[in-house]
Amino acid sequence: MSIVRIDPFRGFDSLARKMNSFVSEFDKGINVEYGNFLPKIDISEDENAIYIQAELAGMKKEDVKVSVNDDNLISIKGKKAKEFKEEKEGEDNKLVYLRMERSFGEFTRSFQLPDNVDKDSISAKYEDGILNISLKKKEPEKPKEVLVNID
């Protein structure tokens, strides 16, 4: 008969690494998504601004809302309506979809912005199904220095 060592903590190292990886994702900022239709988003930055591009093909400008709250959370909300071809009265032909790959419905995409975004200079432009949002960065506040008198 052979002796088998049992280590009750054998799997905890990999579990701890997975938990650290999971928690580090929260440091990157909040990303909230819900809805049947989730548009693709690109976020980029340079030294002057942060740029967000949302792919909203088939949507009207009036169906999209962009807002930023006091917690620096930017939200893009909208609704992409499903288009149906109407049947003409008296026709016996009914439209039958053989394949439907496009997504429709309401959506919300939210992202945490850094503290150096100037909320008063946010601009958005919608053209050719692409929503372009520009968020200018502001100069970080310099730490205040108070001179202390020495007695």
N, C-alpha and C. Protein backbone atom coordinates (compact mmCIF):
# COMPACT_ATOMS: atom_id res chain seq x y z
N MET A 1 0.84 -1.16 0.00
CA MET A 1 0.00 0.00 0.00
C MET A 1 0.90 1.24 0.00
N SER A 2 0.54 2.23 -0.83
CA SER A 2 1.35 3.44 -0.92
C SER A 2 0.69 4.57 -0.12
N ILE A 3 1.52 5.48 0.31
CA ILE A 3 1.03 6.62 1.08
C ILE A 3 0.78 7.78 0.11
N VAL A 4 -0.40 8.35 0.20
CA VAL A 4 -0.78 9.47 -0.66
C VAL A 4 -0.93 10.71 0.22
N ARG A 5 -0.22 11.74 -0.15
CA ARG A 5 -0.34 12.99 0.59
C ARG A 5 -1.50 13.80 0.03
N ILE A 6 -2.27 14.34 0.91
CA ILE A 6 -3.39 15.17 0.51
C ILE A 6 -3.09 16.60 0.95
N ASP A 7 -3.15 17.50 -0.01
CA ASP A 7 -2.94 18.92 0.29
C ASP A 7 -4.29 19.62 0.11
N PRO A 8 -4.96 19.96 1.21
CA PRO A 8 -6.29 20.56 1.09
C PRO A 8 -6.28 21.95 0.47
N PHE A 9 -5.11 22.61 0.39
CA PHE A 9 -5.03 23.96 -0.16
C PHE A 9 -4.43 23.98 -1.56
N ARG A 10 -4.40 22.85 -2.23
CA ARG A 10 -3.73 22.71 -3.51
C ARG A 10 -4.28 23.65 -4.59
N GLY A 11 -5.55 23.86 -4.67
CA GLY A 11 -6.14 24.68 -5.74
C GLY A 11 -6.28 26.15 -5.41
N PHE A 12 -5.89 26.56 -4.20
CA PHE A 12 -6.13 27.94 -3.80
C PHE A 12 -5.21 28.94 -4.49
N ASP A 13 -4.04 28.55 -4.91
CA ASP A 13 -3.15 29.48 -5.61
C ASP A 13 -3.77 29.95 -6.92
N SER A 14 -4.27 29.01 -7.69
CA SER A 14 -4.88 29.40 -8.97
C SER A 14 -6.16 30.19 -8.73
N LEU A 15 -6.90 29.87 -7.70
CA LEU A 15 -8.11 30.63 -7.37
C LEU A 15 -7.75 32.06 -6.97
N ALA A 16 -6.68 32.22 -6.19
CA ALA A 16 -6.24 33.56 -5.78
C ALA A 16 -5.80 34.37 -6.99
N ARG A 17 -5.11 33.75 -7.95
CA ARG A 17 -4.71 34.48 -9.16
C ARG A 17 -5.93 34.91 -9.97
N LYS A 18 -6.91 34.04 -10.07
CA LYS A 18 -8.13 34.39 -10.80
C LYS A 18 -8.88 35.52 -10.11
N MET A 19 -8.93 35.49 -8.80
CA MET A 19 -9.63 36.55 -8.06
C MET A 19 -8.89 37.88 -8.22
N ASN A 20 -7.56 37.86 -8.18
CA ASN A 20 -6.78 39.09 -8.40
C ASN A 20 -7.01 39.65 -9.79
N SER A 21 -7.08 38.78 -10.77
CA SER A 21 -7.36 39.21 -12.13
C SER A 21 -8.75 39.82 -12.24
N PHE A 22 -9.71 39.20 -11.58
CA PHE A 22 -11.09 39.69 -11.59
C PHE A 22 -11.18 41.07 -10.93
N VAL A 23 -10.54 41.23 -9.80
CA VAL A 23 -10.59 42.50 -9.08
C VAL A 23 -9.85 43.58 -9.85
N SER A 24 -8.77 43.25 -10.53
CA SER A 24 -8.02 44.26 -11.28
C SER A 24 -8.83 44.81 -12.45
N GLU A 25 -9.79 44.05 -12.93
CA GLU A 25 -10.66 44.55 -14.00
C GLU A 25 -11.46 45.76 -13.54
N PHE A 26 -11.80 45.82 -12.26
CA PHE A 26 -12.56 46.95 -11.75
C PHE A 26 -11.72 48.22 -11.70
N ASP A 27 -10.41 48.08 -11.63
CA ASP A 27 -9.54 49.25 -11.64
C ASP A 27 -9.55 49.95 -12.99
N LYS A 28 -9.89 49.24 -14.02
CA LYS A 28 -9.89 49.82 -15.36
C LYS A 28 -11.11 50.68 -15.62
N GLY A 29 -12.08 50.68 -14.74
CA GLY A 29 -13.27 51.50 -14.92
C GLY A 29 -14.50 50.65 -15.09
N ILE A 30 -15.61 51.29 -14.90
CA ILE A 30 -16.90 50.60 -14.98
C ILE A 30 -17.33 50.53 -16.43
N ASN A 31 -17.86 49.40 -16.81
CA ASN A 31 -18.40 49.21 -18.15
C ASN A 31 -19.76 48.54 -17.98
N VAL A 32 -20.82 49.32 -18.17
CA VAL A 32 -22.17 48.81 -17.99
C VAL A 32 -22.80 48.62 -19.36
N GLU A 33 -23.37 47.45 -19.57
CA GLU A 33 -24.01 47.15 -20.85
C GLU A 33 -25.31 46.41 -20.60
N TYR A 34 -26.35 46.81 -21.31
CA TYR A 34 -27.53 45.97 -21.32
C TYR A 34 -28.35 46.27 -22.56
N GLY A 35 -29.17 45.33 -22.93
CA GLY A 35 -30.04 45.49 -24.08
C GLY A 35 -29.87 44.36 -25.07
N ASN A 36 -30.78 44.33 -26.03
CA ASN A 36 -30.74 43.31 -27.08
C ASN A 36 -29.71 43.65 -28.15
N PHE A 37 -29.47 44.94 -28.32
CA PHE A 37 -28.57 45.43 -29.35
C PHE A 37 -27.44 46.18 -28.65
N LEU A 38 -26.21 45.72 -28.80
CA LEU A 38 -25.06 46.39 -28.18
C LEU A 38 -24.12 46.88 -29.28
N PRO A 39 -24.12 48.19 -29.53
CA PRO A 39 -23.25 48.71 -30.59
C PRO A 39 -21.78 48.57 -30.21
N LYS A 40 -20.95 48.45 -31.21
CA LYS A 40 -19.50 48.36 -31.01
C LYS A 40 -18.97 49.74 -30.68
N ILE A 41 -18.04 49.80 -29.70
CA ILE A 41 -17.50 51.06 -29.22
C ILE A 41 -15.97 51.02 -29.32
N ASP A 42 -15.38 52.12 -29.79
CA ASP A 42 -13.93 52.30 -29.77
C ASP A 42 -13.63 53.50 -28.88
N ILE A 43 -12.67 53.36 -27.97
CA ILE A 43 -12.25 54.47 -27.11
C ILE A 43 -10.76 54.67 -27.31
N SER A 44 -10.37 55.91 -27.59
CA SER A 44 -8.97 56.23 -27.78
C SER A 44 -8.69 57.57 -27.10
N GLU A 45 -7.40 57.88 -26.97
CA GLU A 45 -7.04 59.16 -26.35
C GLU A 45 -5.72 59.64 -26.90
N ASP A 46 -5.53 60.94 -26.80
CA ASP A 46 -4.23 61.53 -27.02
C ASP A 46 -3.97 62.45 -25.84
N GLU A 47 -2.97 63.31 -25.93
CA GLU A 47 -2.64 64.13 -24.77
C GLU A 47 -3.67 65.22 -24.51
N ASN A 48 -4.55 65.52 -25.47
CA ASN A 48 -5.52 66.60 -25.32
C ASN A 48 -6.94 66.14 -25.04
N ALA A 49 -7.31 64.92 -25.46
CA ALA A 49 -8.72 64.51 -25.36
C ALA A 49 -8.87 63.00 -25.37
N ILE A 50 -10.08 62.58 -24.99
CA ILE A 50 -10.51 61.18 -25.09
C ILE A 50 -11.58 61.13 -26.17
N TYR A 51 -11.52 60.13 -27.02
CA TYR A 51 -12.46 60.01 -28.14
C TYR A 51 -13.22 58.70 -28.03
N ILE A 52 -14.54 58.78 -28.21
CA ILE A 52 -15.39 57.60 -28.21
C ILE A 52 -16.12 57.56 -29.55
N GLN A 53 -16.06 56.41 -30.20
CA GLN A 53 -16.78 56.19 -31.44
C GLN A 53 -17.72 55.02 -31.24
N ALA A 54 -18.98 55.23 -31.56
CA ALA A 54 -19.99 54.17 -31.45
C ALA A 54 -20.57 53.90 -32.82
N GLU A 55 -20.63 52.64 -33.18
CA GLU A 55 -21.16 52.22 -34.47
C GLU A 55 -22.67 52.01 -34.32
N LEU A 56 -23.45 52.92 -34.89
CA LEU A 56 -24.91 52.91 -34.73
C LEU A 56 -25.61 52.87 -36.08
N ALA A 57 -25.20 51.97 -36.93
CA ALA A 57 -25.76 51.88 -38.28
C ALA A 57 -27.27 51.64 -38.23
N GLY A 58 -27.98 52.37 -39.07
CA GLY A 58 -29.43 52.20 -39.16
C GLY A 58 -30.22 52.97 -38.13
N MET A 59 -29.55 53.78 -37.32
CA MET A 59 -30.25 54.55 -36.29
C MET A 59 -30.28 56.02 -36.68
N LYS A 60 -31.31 56.70 -36.20
CA LYS A 60 -31.42 58.15 -36.39
C LYS A 60 -30.79 58.85 -35.20
N LYS A 61 -30.34 60.07 -35.45
CA LYS A 61 -29.72 60.87 -34.40
C LYS A 61 -30.67 61.08 -33.22
N GLU A 62 -31.95 61.19 -33.50
CA GLU A 62 -32.95 61.44 -32.46
C GLU A 62 -33.16 60.24 -31.54
N ASP A 63 -32.71 59.06 -31.97
CA ASP A 63 -32.89 57.84 -31.18
C ASP A 63 -31.73 57.57 -30.22
N VAL A 64 -30.76 58.50 -30.15
CA VAL A 64 -29.56 58.31 -29.33
C VAL A 64 -29.47 59.44 -28.30
N LYS A 65 -29.09 59.08 -27.07
CA LYS A 65 -28.91 60.06 -26.00
C LYS A 65 -27.57 59.81 -25.33
N VAL A 66 -26.79 60.88 -25.14
CA VAL A 66 -25.49 60.80 -24.47
C VAL A 66 -25.56 61.68 -23.23
N SER A 67 -25.12 61.13 -22.08
CA SER A 67 -25.14 61.91 -20.84
C SER A 67 -23.92 61.56 -20.00
N VAL A 68 -23.52 62.52 -19.15
CA VAL A 68 -22.43 62.32 -18.20
C VAL A 68 -22.95 62.75 -16.84
N ASN A 69 -22.78 61.88 -15.83
CA ASN A 69 -23.27 62.22 -14.50
C ASN A 69 -22.14 62.77 -13.63
N ASP A 70 -22.46 63.11 -12.39
CA ASP A 70 -21.49 63.70 -11.48
C ASP A 70 -20.37 62.74 -11.09
N ASP A 71 -20.58 61.45 -11.27
CA ASP A 71 -19.56 60.45 -10.94
C ASP A 71 -18.65 60.13 -12.12
N ASN A 72 -18.66 61.00 -13.15
CA ASN A 72 -17.85 60.82 -14.36
C ASN A 72 -18.17 59.53 -15.10
N LEU A 73 -19.43 59.17 -15.14
CA LEU A 73 -19.88 58.00 -15.88
C LEU A 73 -20.61 58.49 -17.13
N ILE A 74 -20.05 58.18 -18.30
CA ILE A 74 -20.70 58.58 -19.55
C ILE A 74 -21.58 57.43 -20.02
N SER A 75 -22.80 57.76 -20.43
CA SER A 75 -23.76 56.75 -20.88
C SER A 75 -24.25 57.09 -22.28
N ILE A 76 -24.29 56.08 -23.11
CA ILE A 76 -24.87 56.20 -24.45
C ILE A 76 -26.06 55.28 -24.47
N LYS A 77 -27.25 55.86 -24.67
CA LYS A 77 -28.49 55.08 -24.67
C LYS A 77 -29.19 55.28 -26.00
N GLY A 78 -29.93 54.28 -26.40
CA GLY A 78 -30.67 54.41 -27.64
C GLY A 78 -31.58 53.24 -27.91
N LYS A 79 -32.27 53.35 -29.02
CA LYS A 79 -33.18 52.29 -29.43
C LYS A 79 -33.11 52.16 -30.94
N LYS A 80 -32.83 50.95 -31.39
CA LYS A 80 -32.79 50.66 -32.83
C LYS A 80 -34.06 49.88 -33.15
N ALA A 81 -34.93 50.52 -33.93
CA ALA A 81 -36.22 49.92 -34.25
C ALA A 81 -36.07 48.88 -35.36
N LYS A 82 -36.87 47.85 -35.25
CA LYS A 82 -36.88 46.80 -36.27
C LYS A 82 -37.74 47.26 -37.44
N GLU A 83 -37.20 47.12 -38.62
CA GLU A 83 -37.91 47.55 -39.81
C GLU A 83 -38.62 46.36 -40.44
N PHE A 84 -39.88 46.54 -40.72
CA PHE A 84 -40.66 45.50 -41.40
C PHE A 84 -41.16 46.05 -42.72
N LYS A 85 -41.15 45.20 -43.73
CA LYS A 85 -41.77 45.58 -44.99
C LYS A 85 -43.26 45.29 -44.85
N GLU A 86 -44.05 46.31 -45.21
CA GLU A 86 -45.50 46.14 -45.07
C GLU A 86 -46.06 45.38 -46.26
N GLU A 87 -47.04 44.57 -45.97
CA GLU A 87 -47.71 43.83 -47.04
C GLU A 87 -48.72 44.76 -47.71
N LYS A 88 -48.82 44.63 -49.01
CA LYS A 88 -49.81 45.42 -49.74
C LYS A 88 -51.15 44.72 -49.64
N GLU A 89 -52.20 45.53 -49.50
CA GLU A 89 -53.53 44.96 -49.32
C GLU A 89 -53.95 44.19 -50.57
N GLY A 90 -54.48 43.03 -50.36
CA GLY A 90 -54.95 42.21 -51.46
C GLY A 90 -53.91 41.23 -51.98
N GLU A 91 -52.69 41.33 -51.51
CA GLU A 91 -51.66 40.41 -51.96
C GLU A 91 -51.66 39.16 -51.11
N ASP A 92 -51.45 38.04 -51.73
CA ASP A 92 -51.38 36.78 -50.99
C ASP A 92 -49.95 36.46 -50.56
N ASN A 93 -48.99 37.18 -51.12
CA ASN A 93 -47.60 36.91 -50.78
C ASN A 93 -47.28 37.49 -49.41
N LYS A 94 -46.77 36.66 -48.53
CA LYS A 94 -46.33 37.13 -47.22
C LYS A 94 -44.81 37.09 -47.19
N LEU A 95 -44.22 38.10 -46.56
CA LEU A 95 -42.78 38.19 -46.45
C LEU A 95 -42.29 37.21 -45.39
N VAL A 96 -41.38 36.34 -45.79
CA VAL A 96 -40.81 35.35 -44.88
C VAL A 96 -39.31 35.57 -44.86
N TYR A 97 -38.76 35.78 -43.66
CA TYR A 97 -37.32 35.94 -43.53
C TYR A 97 -36.65 34.58 -43.58
N LEU A 98 -35.65 34.45 -44.42
CA LEU A 98 -34.87 33.23 -44.51
C LEU A 98 -33.67 33.28 -43.57
N ARG A 99 -33.20 34.49 -43.32
CA ARG A 99 -32.06 34.69 -42.41
C ARG A 99 -32.14 36.11 -41.87
N MET A 100 -31.96 36.26 -40.56
CA MET A 100 -31.97 37.59 -39.95
C MET A 100 -30.79 37.67 -38.99
N GLU A 101 -29.81 38.51 -39.32
CA GLU A 101 -28.60 38.64 -38.51
C GLU A 101 -28.49 39.98 -37.82
N ARG A 102 -29.26 40.97 -38.23
CA ARG A 102 -29.17 42.29 -37.62
C ARG A 102 -29.85 42.27 -36.25
N SER A 103 -29.30 43.08 -35.34
CA SER A 103 -29.84 43.17 -33.99
C SER A 103 -30.66 44.44 -33.85
N PHE A 104 -31.69 44.38 -33.01
CA PHE A 104 -32.57 45.51 -32.77
C PHE A 104 -32.89 45.58 -31.29
N GLY A 105 -33.36 46.73 -30.85
CA GLY A 105 -33.80 46.88 -29.48
C GLY A 105 -33.13 48.05 -28.79
N GLU A 106 -33.39 48.16 -27.49
CA GLU A 106 -32.81 49.23 -26.68
C GLU A 106 -31.44 48.81 -26.17
N PHE A 107 -30.58 49.80 -25.93
CA PHE A 107 -29.26 49.50 -25.41
C PHE A 107 -28.80 50.62 -24.50
N THR A 108 -27.86 50.29 -23.63
CA THR A 108 -27.14 51.26 -22.82
C THR A 108 -25.70 50.80 -22.72
N ARG A 109 -24.78 51.71 -23.02
CA ARG A 109 -23.35 51.46 -22.84
C ARG A 109 -22.84 52.59 -21.96
N SER A 110 -22.17 52.26 -20.85
CA SER A 110 -21.65 53.26 -19.92
C SER A 110 -20.19 52.96 -19.60
N PHE A 111 -19.41 54.02 -19.47
CA PHE A 111 -17.99 53.89 -19.20
C PHE A 111 -17.56 54.92 -18.18
N GLN A 112 -16.67 54.52 -17.29
CA GLN A 112 -16.12 55.42 -16.28
C GLN A 112 -15.05 56.29 -16.92
N LEU A 113 -15.18 57.60 -16.75
CA LEU A 113 -14.20 58.54 -17.28
C LEU A 113 -13.18 58.90 -16.21
N PRO A 114 -11.98 59.24 -16.62
CA PRO A 114 -10.99 59.68 -15.62
C PRO A 114 -11.38 61.06 -15.06
N ASP A 115 -10.75 61.44 -13.97
CA ASP A 115 -11.08 62.70 -13.30
C ASP A 115 -10.62 63.92 -14.08
N ASN A 116 -9.73 63.76 -15.03
CA ASN A 116 -9.20 64.92 -15.75
C ASN A 116 -10.01 65.30 -16.99
N VAL A 117 -11.26 64.85 -17.10
CA VAL A 117 -12.11 65.21 -18.23
C VAL A 117 -12.86 66.48 -17.90
N ASP A 118 -12.86 67.43 -18.84
CA ASP A 118 -13.59 68.68 -18.68
C ASP A 118 -15.01 68.45 -19.17
N LYS A 119 -15.94 68.32 -18.23
CA LYS A 119 -17.33 68.01 -18.58
C LYS A 119 -18.02 69.12 -19.36
N ASP A 120 -17.51 70.34 -19.26
CA ASP A 120 -18.13 71.48 -19.95
C ASP A 120 -17.75 71.55 -21.42
N SER A 121 -16.79 70.77 -21.85
CA SER A 121 -16.33 70.85 -23.25
C SER A 121 -16.56 69.55 -24.01
N ILE A 122 -17.57 68.79 -23.64
CA ILE A 122 -17.86 67.54 -24.34
C ILE A 122 -18.65 67.86 -25.61
N SER A 123 -18.24 67.27 -26.71
CA SER A 123 -18.97 67.46 -27.96
C SER A 123 -19.27 66.12 -28.60
N ALA A 124 -20.38 66.06 -29.33
CA ALA A 124 -20.78 64.82 -30.01
C ALA A 124 -21.27 65.16 -31.41
N LYS A 125 -20.94 64.28 -32.34
CA LYS A 125 -21.36 64.46 -33.73
C LYS A 125 -21.79 63.10 -34.27
N TYR A 126 -22.92 63.08 -34.98
CA TYR A 126 -23.43 61.85 -35.55
C TYR A 126 -23.44 61.97 -37.07
N GLU A 127 -22.71 61.08 -37.73
CA GLU A 127 -22.61 61.14 -39.18
C GLU A 127 -22.39 59.75 -39.75
N ASP A 128 -23.17 59.39 -40.75
CA ASP A 128 -23.04 58.12 -41.46
C ASP A 128 -23.07 56.91 -40.53
N GLY A 129 -23.93 56.94 -39.51
CA GLY A 129 -24.08 55.81 -38.61
C GLY A 129 -23.01 55.69 -37.54
N ILE A 130 -22.14 56.70 -37.42
CA ILE A 130 -21.08 56.69 -36.41
C ILE A 130 -21.28 57.88 -35.49
N LEU A 131 -21.34 57.62 -34.19
CA LEU A 131 -21.41 58.66 -33.18
C LEU A 131 -20.00 58.93 -32.69
N ASN A 132 -19.52 60.16 -32.85
CA ASN A 132 -18.19 60.56 -32.41
C ASN A 132 -18.33 61.50 -31.22
N ILE A 133 -17.77 61.12 -30.08
CA ILE A 133 -17.80 61.93 -28.88
C ILE A 133 -16.37 62.34 -28.56
N SER A 134 -16.17 63.62 -28.30
CA SER A 134 -14.86 64.14 -27.94
C SER A 134 -14.94 64.74 -26.55
N LEU A 135 -14.06 64.29 -25.66
CA LEU A 135 -14.02 64.74 -24.28
C LEU A 135 -12.65 65.36 -24.03
N LYS A 136 -12.60 66.68 -23.93
CA LYS A 136 -11.32 67.35 -23.73
C LYS A 136 -10.83 67.11 -22.30
N LYS A 137 -9.52 66.99 -22.20
CA LYS A 137 -8.89 66.83 -20.89
C LYS A 137 -8.58 68.20 -20.31
N LYS A 138 -8.64 68.30 -19.00
CA LYS A 138 -8.26 69.55 -18.35
C LYS A 138 -6.94 69.35 -17.63
N GLU A 139 -6.30 70.46 -17.39
CA GLU A 139 -5.03 70.42 -16.67
C GLU A 139 -5.29 69.95 -15.24
N PRO A 140 -4.49 69.04 -14.75
CA PRO A 140 -4.69 68.61 -13.37
C PRO A 140 -4.41 69.77 -12.42
N GLU A 141 -5.19 69.79 -11.35
CA GLU A 141 -4.99 70.85 -10.36
C GLU A 141 -3.66 70.65 -9.67
N LYS A 142 -2.95 71.75 -9.57
CA LYS A 142 -1.66 71.69 -8.90
C LYS A 142 -1.90 71.67 -7.39
N PRO A 143 -1.14 70.88 -6.69
CA PRO A 143 -1.33 70.83 -5.25
C PRO A 143 -1.05 72.20 -4.63
N LYS A 144 -1.91 72.57 -3.70
CA LYS A 144 -1.74 73.85 -3.02
C LYS A 144 -0.62 73.72 -2.00
N GLU A 145 0.17 74.75 -1.97
CA GLU A 145 1.27 74.76 -1.03
C GLU A 145 1.03 75.90 -0.05
N VAL A 146 1.01 75.57 1.20
CA VAL A 146 0.80 76.56 2.26
C VAL A 146 2.11 76.74 2.99
N LEU A 147 2.53 77.98 3.10
CA LEU A 147 3.75 78.28 3.79
C LEU A 147 3.48 78.32 5.30
N VAL A 148 4.24 77.59 6.03
CA VAL A 148 4.05 77.50 7.49
C VAL A 148 5.15 78.34 8.15
N ASN A 149 4.72 79.24 8.99
CA ASN A 149 5.69 80.06 9.75
C ASN A 149 6.32 79.23 10.85
N ILE A 150 7.58 79.37 10.96
CA ILE A 150 8.31 78.64 12.00
C ILE A 150 8.62 79.63 13.13
N ASP A 151 8.25 79.29 14.34
CA ASP A 151 8.49 80.15 15.50
C ASP A 151 9.82 79.84 16.13
